[in-house]
């Protein structure tokens, strides 16, 4: 059987609603590297068609990795570390060597040093019980540090196959495309790339060296990732497309910042302080007084305060409040899963974050 080069699904010509469907007249041409209809529409029209696979199907496919002697590259999204750091990953990796690959470094300000990010991630990985051989910070979009990654992969792989694993939308397929381009004369992407969850449906093995294949795997579904609940026009607003321009607000007690209609950030108590918002440049921001925030939200939701749009409300659930006390010393990030993070220096501050119950928010020592 022939696999789709874009998503890894076995090609078939009988059932249009099943994965791997391709019209028979195209299949009969017998061309190498052919794409299924779903990948063709994703690549050329940005159209995402649902699949007949679910989270348990993907996990079952991944069970083979632990039984092999391989190198595992564990890809995470530097802008959504917690959303892309999957529970139970050690069970998938087994006893194999693992290298943590932090993608999307191009989104952080150029003043941020990759060495600091790597140091922070090594500490975090250890706290999460991940025994990583190394940590690499890259950008699959720009090619930043791809040469470093390739050299380390060759050193650690020792002629074993290399599996690239991770949550959906972390950039696994983009990373593999960059590796292929750096080792061949190809200039076009081989593996299908999109911002939609579940683009890769099965293993896609591609020769990396004479004795080593690099294998793209289906993205693991973390239901806490907000991308699973939003439509394309919302994803366009929350997903950074280029280097983030940090937004610095000097806020006084009793002021509120809306991030679209998804997140409300209330400065409840404390002296005037500086807050640095690291979010997508195109996400609408609105500043107001806390006493007016409820009224502003009711008047502007769905118009100026988007996303979400009306059709997404049911998936997101009701709005809840999470409260945080910032200690008197140190620097911290308040992290909103899938949206970004807000940097703040300790000054005995109270912050309330109002967001939908299906979204995650937490506090951490500053990453930057």
Protein backbone atom coordinates (compact mmCIF):
# COMPACT_ATOMS: atom_id res chain seq x y z
CA UNK A 1 0.00 0.00 0.00
CA UNK A 2 1.10 3.58 -0.70
CA UNK A 3 1.23 6.27 1.98
CA UNK A 4 0.39 9.94 1.55
CA UNK A 5 3.67 11.80 1.72
CA UNK A 6 2.02 14.69 3.51
CA UNK A 7 0.29 13.04 6.49
CA UNK A 8 1.38 9.39 6.41
CA UNK A 9 -2.12 7.93 5.91
CA UNK A 10 -2.47 4.94 3.59
CA UNK A 11 -3.98 6.09 0.31
CA UNK A 12 -7.39 4.72 -0.70
CA UNK A 13 -9.92 5.54 -3.41
CA UNK A 14 -13.18 4.16 -2.01
CA UNK A 15 -14.31 6.22 1.00
CA UNK A 16 -14.18 10.02 0.79
CA UNK A 17 -14.90 10.47 4.51
CA UNK A 18 -11.97 8.28 5.58
CA UNK A 19 -8.31 9.23 5.95
CA UNK A 20 -6.06 8.86 2.93
CA UNK A 21 -8.77 9.37 0.30
CA UNK A 22 -7.55 10.19 -3.21
CA UNK A 23 -9.64 10.20 -6.41
CA UNK A 24 -8.92 7.06 -8.46
CA UNK A 25 -7.86 8.94 -11.59
CA UNK A 26 -5.04 10.62 -9.63
CA UNK A 27 -4.04 7.40 -7.88
CA UNK A 28 -3.79 5.64 -11.25
CA UNK A 29 -1.15 8.10 -12.42
CA UNK A 30 1.25 6.43 -10.01
CA UNK A 31 3.30 9.53 -9.19
CA UNK A 32 5.77 9.44 -6.29
CA UNK A 33 5.17 11.73 -3.33
CA UNK A 34 1.46 12.07 -4.03
CA UNK A 35 -0.78 13.80 -1.45
CA UNK A 36 -4.18 12.65 -0.28
CA UNK A 37 -7.09 15.00 -0.98
CA UNK A 38 -7.06 16.32 2.62
CA UNK A 39 -3.36 17.25 2.47
CA UNK A 40 -3.81 18.80 -0.98
CA UNK A 41 -6.57 21.07 0.34
CA UNK A 42 -4.60 21.90 3.49
CA UNK A 43 -1.51 22.80 1.50
CA UNK A 44 -3.14 24.82 -1.28
CA UNK A 45 -6.34 26.20 0.27
CA UNK A 46 -5.81 26.11 4.05
CA UNK A 47 -8.94 23.94 4.30
CA UNK A 48 -9.02 21.50 7.21
CA UNK A 49 -11.17 18.41 6.82
CA UNK A 50 -12.00 16.33 9.92
CA UNK A 51 -10.50 12.85 10.22
CA UNK A 52 -11.90 9.58 11.53
CA UNK A 53 -9.08 9.26 14.10
CA UNK A 54 -9.17 10.29 17.77
CA UNK A 55 -6.68 10.78 20.62
CA UNK A 56 -6.62 7.09 21.58
CA UNK A 57 -5.90 6.11 17.97
CA UNK A 58 -2.82 8.34 17.97
CA UNK A 59 -1.58 6.98 21.32
CA UNK A 60 -1.93 3.42 20.08
CA UNK A 61 0.21 4.19 17.05
CA UNK A 62 2.92 5.59 19.32
CA UNK A 63 3.27 2.42 21.42
CA UNK A 64 5.79 0.97 18.97
CA UNK A 65 8.41 3.62 19.84
CA UNK A 66 9.11 2.31 23.35
CA UNK A 67 9.79 -1.17 21.96
CA UNK A 68 12.49 0.04 19.54
CA UNK A 69 16.08 1.13 20.09
CA UNK A 70 15.87 4.67 18.74
CA UNK A 71 16.57 8.32 19.43
CA UNK A 72 13.52 10.40 20.35
CA UNK A 73 13.29 14.12 19.61
CA UNK A 74 10.66 15.61 21.90
CA UNK A 75 9.35 18.82 20.33
CA UNK A 76 7.75 21.56 22.43
CA UNK A 77 6.45 25.04 21.63
CA UNK A 78 8.49 27.73 23.40
CA UNK A 79 5.40 29.97 23.49
CA UNK A 80 3.27 27.23 25.09
CA UNK A 81 5.68 25.11 27.11
CA UNK A 82 3.08 23.74 29.49
CA UNK A 83 0.44 23.09 26.85
CA UNK A 84 2.92 21.19 24.70
CA UNK A 85 4.61 19.28 27.54
CA UNK A 86 2.55 16.08 27.55
CA UNK A 87 1.74 13.94 30.57
CA UNK A 88 2.78 10.32 30.14
CA UNK A 89 5.47 11.03 27.54
CA UNK A 90 7.97 8.85 29.41
CA UNK A 91 5.75 5.85 28.70
CA UNK A 92 5.92 6.59 24.96
CA UNK A 93 9.68 7.23 24.99
CA UNK A 94 10.47 4.12 27.05
CA UNK A 95 14.18 3.64 27.72
CA UNK A 96 15.24 5.46 24.56
CA UNK A 97 17.55 8.46 24.58
CA UNK A 98 15.63 11.70 24.27
CA UNK A 99 16.60 15.20 23.16
CA UNK A 100 14.24 18.07 24.01
CA UNK A 101 13.75 20.42 21.03
CA UNK A 102 12.23 23.84 21.81
CA UNK A 103 10.75 25.28 18.63
CA UNK A 104 9.59 28.79 17.57
CA UNK A 105 12.55 30.73 18.97
CA UNK A 106 11.97 33.22 16.14
CA UNK A 107 8.88 34.46 17.99
CA UNK A 108 10.86 35.70 20.99
CA UNK A 109 12.55 39.12 20.92
CA UNK A 110 16.03 39.03 19.38
CA UNK A 111 17.48 40.24 22.68
CA UNK A 112 16.58 36.90 24.29
CA UNK A 113 19.59 34.60 24.42
CA UNK A 114 18.99 30.96 23.52
CA UNK A 115 21.44 29.91 26.26
CA UNK A 116 19.13 31.32 28.93
CA UNK A 117 16.13 29.52 27.43
CA UNK A 118 18.05 26.24 27.27
CA UNK A 119 19.14 26.58 30.90
CA UNK A 120 15.55 27.26 31.98
CA UNK A 121 14.22 24.29 29.98
CA UNK A 122 16.83 21.88 31.37
CA UNK A 123 15.71 22.77 34.87
CA UNK A 124 12.05 22.47 33.97
CA UNK A 125 12.51 19.10 32.19
CA UNK A 126 14.29 17.71 35.24
CA UNK A 127 11.45 18.88 37.49
CA UNK A 128 8.99 17.10 35.19
CA UNK A 129 10.96 13.85 35.37
CA UNK A 130 12.22 13.95 31.79
CA UNK A 131 15.80 12.68 31.50
CA UNK A 132 16.88 14.57 28.40
CA UNK A 133 20.33 13.97 26.92
CA UNK A 134 20.32 17.56 25.71
CA UNK A 135 18.12 20.58 24.96
CA UNK A 136 18.16 22.40 21.61
CA UNK A 137 16.42 25.74 20.92
CA UNK A 138 15.52 26.18 17.25
CA UNK A 139 13.19 27.83 14.78
CA UNK A 140 11.78 25.45 12.20
CA UNK A 141 10.35 28.45 10.36
CA UNK A 142 13.58 30.41 9.87
CA UNK A 143 16.06 27.55 10.11
CA UNK A 144 17.68 29.00 13.25
CA UNK A 145 20.08 26.41 14.78
CA UNK A 146 18.95 23.64 12.42
CA UNK A 147 22.62 22.91 11.71
CA UNK A 148 23.23 22.52 15.44
CA UNK A 149 20.23 20.19 15.73
CA UNK A 150 21.36 18.08 12.78
CA UNK A 151 24.85 17.65 14.21
CA UNK A 152 23.51 16.62 17.61
CA UNK A 153 21.01 14.23 16.05
CA UNK A 154 23.78 12.45 14.18
CA UNK A 155 25.91 12.24 17.34
CA UNK A 156 23.13 10.91 19.55
CA UNK A 157 21.43 8.66 16.98
CA UNK A 158 24.50 6.48 16.34
CA UNK A 159 22.88 5.06 13.20
CA UNK A 160 19.55 4.42 14.95
CA UNK A 161 16.25 5.74 13.63
CA UNK A 162 14.99 9.06 14.98
CA UNK A 163 11.37 9.63 16.05
CA UNK A 164 10.04 13.19 16.31
CA UNK A 165 7.24 13.28 18.90
CA UNK A 166 5.21 15.95 20.67
CA UNK A 167 1.86 17.65 21.00
CA UNK A 168 -0.08 18.96 18.04
CA UNK A 169 1.04 22.29 16.53
CA UNK A 170 4.54 22.25 17.99
CA UNK A 171 6.15 22.27 14.53
CA UNK A 172 7.36 18.68 14.13
CA UNK A 173 6.64 18.53 10.41
CA UNK A 174 8.20 21.96 9.79
CA UNK A 175 11.30 20.83 11.66
CA UNK A 176 11.61 17.68 9.54
CA UNK A 177 11.17 19.70 6.35
CA UNK A 178 14.05 21.93 7.44
CA UNK A 179 16.27 18.91 8.15
CA UNK A 180 15.47 17.47 4.73
CA UNK A 181 16.28 20.76 2.98
CA UNK A 182 19.58 21.03 4.87
CA UNK A 183 20.71 17.57 3.74
CA UNK A 184 19.32 17.49 0.15
CA UNK A 185 18.78 19.74 -2.84
CA UNK A 186 15.03 19.97 -2.17
CA UNK A 187 13.54 23.44 -1.73
CA UNK A 188 9.85 22.57 -1.27
CA UNK A 189 8.27 21.08 1.86
CA UNK A 190 7.89 17.31 1.80
CA UNK A 191 5.65 16.84 4.84
CA UNK A 192 2.34 18.71 5.03
CA UNK A 193 2.40 21.64 7.46
CA UNK A 194 -0.56 23.55 8.88
CA UNK A 195 -1.67 25.19 12.14
CA UNK A 196 -4.58 22.76 12.44
CA UNK A 197 -4.34 19.94 14.99
CA UNK A 198 -3.95 16.42 13.62
CA UNK A 199 -2.31 17.22 10.28
CA UNK A 200 0.05 14.21 10.48
CA UNK A 201 -2.04 11.02 10.79
CA UNK A 202 0.54 8.23 10.73
CA UNK A 203 4.30 7.66 10.75
CA UNK A 204 6.23 9.20 7.84
CA UNK A 205 9.76 7.81 7.51
CA UNK A 206 12.30 9.79 5.51
CA UNK A 207 16.00 8.89 5.00
CA UNK A 208 18.25 11.30 6.91
CA UNK A 209 21.57 9.52 6.40
CA UNK A 210 22.55 6.25 4.75
CA UNK A 211 21.60 4.26 7.87
CA UNK A 212 19.17 6.56 9.69
CA UNK A 213 15.56 7.46 8.99
CA UNK A 214 13.83 10.38 10.67
CA UNK A 215 10.20 9.61 11.42
CA UNK A 216 7.43 12.19 11.74
CA UNK A 217 4.66 11.07 14.09
CA UNK A 218 1.05 12.16 14.69
CA UNK A 219 0.73 15.08 17.09
CA UNK A 220 -0.50 14.00 20.50
CA UNK A 221 -3.73 15.69 21.50
CA UNK A 222 -3.71 17.66 24.73
CA UNK A 223 -7.29 18.74 25.31
CA UNK A 224 -6.03 21.70 27.36
CA UNK A 225 -4.60 23.24 24.20
CA UNK A 226 -6.97 25.99 23.14
CA UNK A 227 -6.24 25.38 19.45
CA UNK A 228 -8.59 22.37 19.56
CA UNK A 229 -11.52 24.62 20.40
CA UNK A 230 -11.05 27.53 17.98
CA UNK A 231 -11.84 28.07 14.31
CA UNK A 232 -9.41 29.29 11.67
CA UNK A 233 -10.17 33.00 12.03
CA UNK A 234 -9.53 32.78 15.79
CA UNK A 235 -6.32 30.81 15.30
CA UNK A 236 -5.19 33.53 12.90
CA UNK A 237 -5.55 36.06 15.72
CA UNK A 238 -3.91 34.15 18.60
CA UNK A 239 -1.08 32.45 16.68
CA UNK A 240 2.10 34.56 16.40
CA UNK A 241 3.19 34.87 12.78
CA UNK A 242 6.46 36.74 13.41
CA UNK A 243 8.63 38.02 16.23
CA UNK A 244 6.48 39.24 19.09
CA UNK A 245 6.65 42.90 20.00
CA UNK A 246 6.39 42.92 23.80
CA UNK A 247 3.67 45.27 25.01
CA UNK A 248 4.65 47.14 28.17
CA UNK A 249 1.86 48.58 30.30
CA UNK A 250 2.35 50.66 33.43
CA UNK A 251 -0.76 49.67 35.34
CA UNK A 252 -2.25 51.05 38.50
CA UNK A 253 -4.41 49.17 40.95
CA UNK A 254 -7.91 48.80 39.54
CA UNK A 255 -7.01 48.59 35.83
CA UNK A 256 -7.85 45.81 33.38
CA UNK A 257 -6.37 44.51 30.14
CA UNK A 258 -8.48 42.41 27.76
CA UNK A 259 -6.70 40.01 25.38
CA UNK A 260 -9.40 39.71 22.77
CA UNK A 261 -12.42 38.27 24.55
CA UNK A 262 -10.55 35.19 25.72
CA UNK A 263 -8.65 36.62 28.68
CA UNK A 264 -9.30 39.43 31.15
CA UNK A 265 -6.27 40.50 33.22
CA UNK A 266 -7.20 42.47 36.37
CA UNK A 267 -4.64 44.32 38.48
CA UNK A 268 -6.51 44.04 41.78
CA UNK A 269 -4.07 45.21 44.43
CA UNK A 270 -0.59 46.73 44.69
CA UNK A 271 1.55 49.71 43.76
CA UNK A 272 1.86 50.92 40.18
CA UNK A 273 3.82 48.26 38.29
CA UNK A 274 5.12 47.34 34.85
CA UNK A 275 3.54 44.38 33.01
CA UNK A 276 5.04 42.98 29.80
CA UNK A 277 2.62 41.12 27.51
CA UNK A 278 4.14 38.51 25.18
CA UNK A 279 1.27 37.63 22.85
CA UNK A 280 0.56 37.58 19.11
CA UNK A 281 0.97 41.05 17.60
CA UNK A 282 -2.42 40.85 15.88
CA UNK A 283 -4.45 39.85 18.97
CA UNK A 284 -6.73 42.79 19.91
CA UNK A 285 -5.88 44.45 23.24
CA UNK A 286 -8.18 46.75 25.20
CA UNK A 287 -7.36 48.66 28.38
CA UNK A 288 -10.02 49.89 30.79
CA UNK A 289 -10.86 50.39 34.46
CA UNK A 290 -11.75 47.31 36.44
CA UNK A 291 -15.03 48.80 37.64
CA UNK A 292 -16.10 49.17 34.01
CA UNK A 293 -14.74 45.84 32.75
CA UNK A 294 -17.99 43.86 32.97
CA UNK A 295 -19.87 46.47 30.97
CA UNK A 296 -17.07 46.79 28.41
CA UNK A 297 -17.01 43.04 27.90
CA UNK A 298 -20.77 42.81 27.36
CA UNK A 299 -20.73 45.67 24.82
CA UNK A 300 -17.62 44.63 22.90
CA UNK A 301 -17.51 40.83 22.98
CA UNK A 302 -17.80 39.34 19.51
CA UNK A 303 -16.94 42.67 17.85
CA UNK A 304 -13.82 44.41 19.13
CA UNK A 305 -13.10 41.78 21.75
CA UNK A 306 -12.39 38.72 19.59
CA UNK A 307 -11.71 35.87 19.63
CA UNK A 308 -13.79 33.98 20.53
CA UNK A 309 -16.56 34.17 18.00
CA UNK A 310 -20.10 33.09 18.82
CA UNK A 311 -19.79 29.63 17.26
CA UNK A 312 -16.88 28.78 19.61
CA UNK A 313 -18.49 29.69 22.93
CA UNK A 314 -19.95 26.27 23.72
CA UNK A 315 -16.58 24.52 23.35
CA UNK A 316 -14.81 27.02 25.61
CA UNK A 317 -17.22 26.76 28.52
CA UNK A 318 -18.08 29.30 31.21
CA UNK A 319 -15.75 32.06 32.40
CA UNK A 320 -13.91 31.46 35.68
CA UNK A 321 -11.52 33.52 37.81
CA UNK A 322 -8.01 32.54 38.92
CA UNK A 323 -6.18 34.71 41.48
CA UNK A 324 -2.41 35.11 41.84
CA UNK A 325 -0.26 36.81 44.47
CA UNK A 326 3.09 38.02 43.13
CA UNK A 327 5.78 37.78 45.87
CA UNK A 328 7.81 40.78 46.92
CA UNK A 329 10.98 39.67 45.13
CA UNK A 330 11.91 38.04 41.83
CA UNK A 331 10.52 38.09 38.31
CA UNK A 332 7.58 35.96 37.21
CA UNK A 333 5.46 35.04 34.20
CA UNK A 334 1.72 34.58 34.35
CA UNK A 335 1.21 32.04 31.58
CA UNK A 336 -2.06 31.72 29.65
CA UNK A 337 -2.02 28.46 27.72
CA UNK A 338 -2.08 28.95 23.96
CA UNK A 339 -2.11 32.76 24.26
CA UNK A 340 1.27 33.73 25.72
CA UNK A 341 2.54 35.11 29.00
CA UNK A 342 2.73 38.32 31.02
CA UNK A 343 6.01 39.21 32.72
CA UNK A 344 5.93 41.01 36.07
CA UNK A 345 8.44 41.84 38.81
CA UNK A 346 7.62 40.90 42.37
CA UNK A 347 6.02 43.72 44.34
CA UNK A 348 3.30 42.11 46.49
CA UNK A 349 0.69 42.31 43.76
CA UNK A 350 -2.66 40.59 43.41
CA UNK A 351 -3.72 39.65 39.90
CA UNK A 352 -7.04 38.12 38.83
CA UNK A 353 -7.21 36.35 35.46
CA UNK A 354 -10.67 35.68 34.05
CA UNK A 355 -10.81 33.14 31.24
CA UNK A 356 -12.83 30.19 29.98
CA UNK A 357 -12.85 27.09 32.18
CA UNK A 358 -11.23 24.93 29.46
CA UNK A 359 -8.17 27.21 29.35
CA UNK A 360 -5.07 26.94 31.52
CA UNK A 361 -3.33 29.70 33.50
CA UNK A 362 -0.43 29.42 35.94
CA UNK A 363 2.56 31.29 37.34
CA UNK A 364 6.25 30.44 36.91
CA UNK A 365 9.66 32.03 37.50
CA UNK A 366 10.44 34.24 34.52
CA UNK A 367 11.65 32.38 31.42
CA UNK A 368 13.26 35.49 29.94
